């Protein structure tokens, strides 16, 4: 590898601000407007990490918790109604 090639690897991370996850079942998530058009580089990597962390631990988890809460409330109401 030449130093130029090593440098280009650092600056060309080859992904955008719309990650996917086969493990968690996301099809492309837009982390920011036009995220699919914005390449992640060494210069904006920290922003990408912040947005992914927020999605995974806050906004993405919120959707799952709201769904759980709705089902839990429905089942709890049925249980109390029949008790």
C-alpha atoms as a PDB file:
ATOM      1  CA  UNK A   1       0.000   0.000   0.000  1.00  0.00           C
ATOM      2  CA  UNK A   2       1.248   3.409  -0.820  1.00  0.00           C
ATOM      3  CA  UNK A   3       0.664   6.317   1.586  1.00  0.00           C
ATOM      4  CA  UNK A   4      -1.764   7.829  -0.934  1.00  0.00           C
ATOM      5  CA  UNK A   5      -3.830   4.649  -0.885  1.00  0.00           C
ATOM      6  CA  UNK A   6      -3.851   4.528   2.912  1.00  0.00           C
ATOM      7  CA  UNK A   7      -4.956   8.149   2.989  1.00  0.00           C
ATOM      8  CA  UNK A   8      -7.770   7.492   0.553  1.00  0.00           C
ATOM      9  CA  UNK A   9      -9.061   4.682   2.755  1.00  0.00           C
ATOM     10  CA  UNK A  10      -9.404   7.099   5.650  1.00  0.00           C
ATOM     11  CA  UNK A  11     -11.310   9.624   3.597  1.00  0.00           C
ATOM     12  CA  UNK A  12     -13.531   7.216   1.680  1.00  0.00           C
ATOM     13  CA  UNK A  13     -15.543   5.268   4.253  1.00  0.00           C
ATOM     14  CA  UNK A  14     -18.025   4.117   1.573  1.00  0.00           C
ATOM     15  CA  UNK A  15     -21.347   4.596   3.349  1.00  0.00           C
ATOM     16  CA  UNK A  16     -23.977   7.297   3.752  1.00  0.00           C
ATOM     17  CA  UNK A  17     -26.264   8.735   6.418  1.00  0.00           C
ATOM     18  CA  UNK A  18     -28.932   6.082   5.828  1.00  0.00           C
ATOM     19  CA  UNK A  19     -27.783   2.828   7.451  1.00  0.00           C
ATOM     20  CA  UNK A  20     -29.499  -0.541   7.185  1.00  0.00           C
ATOM     21  CA  UNK A  21     -29.482  -3.498   9.550  1.00  0.00           C
ATOM     22  CA  UNK A  22     -30.409  -7.064   8.700  1.00  0.00           C
ATOM     23  CA  UNK A  23     -30.052  -7.939  12.396  1.00  0.00           C
ATOM     24  CA  UNK A  24     -32.608  -5.368  13.575  1.00  0.00           C
ATOM     25  CA  UNK A  25     -34.693  -5.413  10.416  1.00  0.00           C
ATOM     26  CA  UNK A  26     -34.280  -1.798   9.273  1.00  0.00           C
ATOM     27  CA  UNK A  27     -34.466  -1.070   5.617  1.00  0.00           C
ATOM     28  CA  UNK A  28     -32.690   2.287   5.076  1.00  0.00           C
ATOM     29  CA  UNK A  29     -33.138   4.757   7.942  1.00  0.00           C
ATOM     30  CA  UNK A  30     -32.713   8.434   7.045  1.00  0.00           C
ATOM     31  CA  UNK A  31     -30.622   9.844   9.877  1.00  0.00           C
ATOM     32  CA  UNK A  32     -30.806  13.322   8.384  1.00  0.00           C
ATOM     33  CA  UNK A  33     -32.514  14.899   5.369  1.00  0.00           C
ATOM     34  CA  UNK A  34     -31.010  13.578   2.120  1.00  0.00           C
ATOM     35  CA  UNK A  35     -28.913  11.155   4.159  1.00  0.00           C
ATOM     36  CA  UNK A  36     -28.654   8.768   1.236  1.00  0.00           C
ATOM     37  CA  UNK A  37     -26.855  11.494  -0.726  1.00  0.00           C
ATOM     38  CA  UNK A  38     -24.321  12.402   1.999  1.00  0.00           C
ATOM     39  CA  UNK A  39     -21.163  10.301   2.159  1.00  0.00           C
ATOM     40  CA  UNK A  40     -19.732   9.635   5.608  1.00  0.00           C
ATOM     41  CA  UNK A  41     -16.160  10.890   5.730  1.00  0.00           C
ATOM     42  CA  UNK A  42     -13.561  11.310   8.418  1.00  0.00           C
ATOM     43  CA  UNK A  43     -14.768  14.922   8.673  1.00  0.00           C
ATOM     44  CA  UNK A  44     -18.404  14.057   9.528  1.00  0.00           C
ATOM     45  CA  UNK A  45     -17.899  10.673  11.177  1.00  0.00           C
ATOM     46  CA  UNK A  46     -18.598  12.031  14.667  1.00  0.00           C
ATOM     47  CA  UNK A  47     -21.965  13.422  13.506  1.00  0.00           C
ATOM     48  CA  UNK A  48     -22.812  10.033  11.941  1.00  0.00           C
ATOM     49  CA  UNK A  49     -21.967   8.207  15.172  1.00  0.00           C
ATOM     50  CA  UNK A  50     -24.072  10.664  17.200  1.00  0.00           C
ATOM     51  CA  UNK A  51     -27.053  10.219  14.877  1.00  0.00           C
ATOM     52  CA  UNK A  52     -26.797   6.413  14.829  1.00  0.00           C
ATOM     53  CA  UNK A  53     -26.483   6.330  18.624  1.00  0.00           C
ATOM     54  CA  UNK A  54     -29.516   8.601  18.997  1.00  0.00           C
ATOM     55  CA  UNK A  55     -31.526   6.429  16.626  1.00  0.00           C
ATOM     56  CA  UNK A  56     -30.563   3.163  18.324  1.00  0.00           C
ATOM     57  CA  UNK A  57     -30.940   4.329  21.919  1.00  0.00           C
ATOM     58  CA  UNK A  58     -33.610   7.032  21.698  1.00  0.00           C
ATOM     59  CA  UNK A  59     -35.830   7.563  18.669  1.00  0.00           C
ATOM     60  CA  UNK A  60     -35.681   3.992  17.321  1.00  0.00           C
ATOM     61  CA  UNK A  61     -36.188   2.469  20.744  1.00  0.00           C
ATOM     62  CA  UNK A  62     -39.071   4.870  21.457  1.00  0.00           C
ATOM     63  CA  UNK A  63     -41.121   3.324  18.628  1.00  0.00           C
ATOM     64  CA  UNK A  64     -40.607  -0.166  20.051  1.00  0.00           C
ATOM     65  CA  UNK A  65     -41.442   0.934  23.605  1.00  0.00           C
ATOM     66  CA  UNK A  66     -44.621   2.692  22.475  1.00  0.00           C
ATOM     67  CA  UNK A  67     -45.742  -0.474  20.667  1.00  0.00           C
ATOM     68  CA  UNK A  68     -44.975  -2.546  23.764  1.00  0.00           C
ATOM     69  CA  UNK A  69     -46.795  -0.085  26.022  1.00  0.00           C
ATOM     70  CA  UNK A  70     -49.877  -0.160  23.793  1.00  0.00           C
ATOM     71  CA  UNK A  71     -50.044  -3.962  23.781  1.00  0.00           C
ATOM     72  CA  UNK A  72     -49.287  -4.137  27.499  1.00  0.00           C
ATOM     73  CA  UNK A  73     -52.063  -1.640  28.288  1.00  0.00           C
ATOM     74  CA  UNK A  74     -54.489  -3.563  26.099  1.00  0.00           C
ATOM     75  CA  UNK A  75     -53.720  -6.886  27.799  1.00  0.00           C
ATOM     76  CA  UNK A  76     -53.722  -5.339  31.263  1.00  0.00           C
ATOM     77  CA  UNK A  77     -57.131  -3.770  30.589  1.00  0.00           C
ATOM     78  CA  UNK A  78     -58.483  -7.142  29.414  1.00  0.00           C
ATOM     79  CA  UNK A  79     -57.077  -8.871  32.496  1.00  0.00           C
ATOM     80  CA  UNK A  80     -58.586  -6.303  34.890  1.00  0.00           C
ATOM     81  CA  UNK A  81     -61.896  -6.420  33.021  1.00  0.00           C
ATOM     82  CA  UNK A  82     -62.117 -10.221  33.350  1.00  0.00           C
ATOM     83  CA  UNK A  83     -60.803 -10.488  36.928  1.00  0.00           C
END
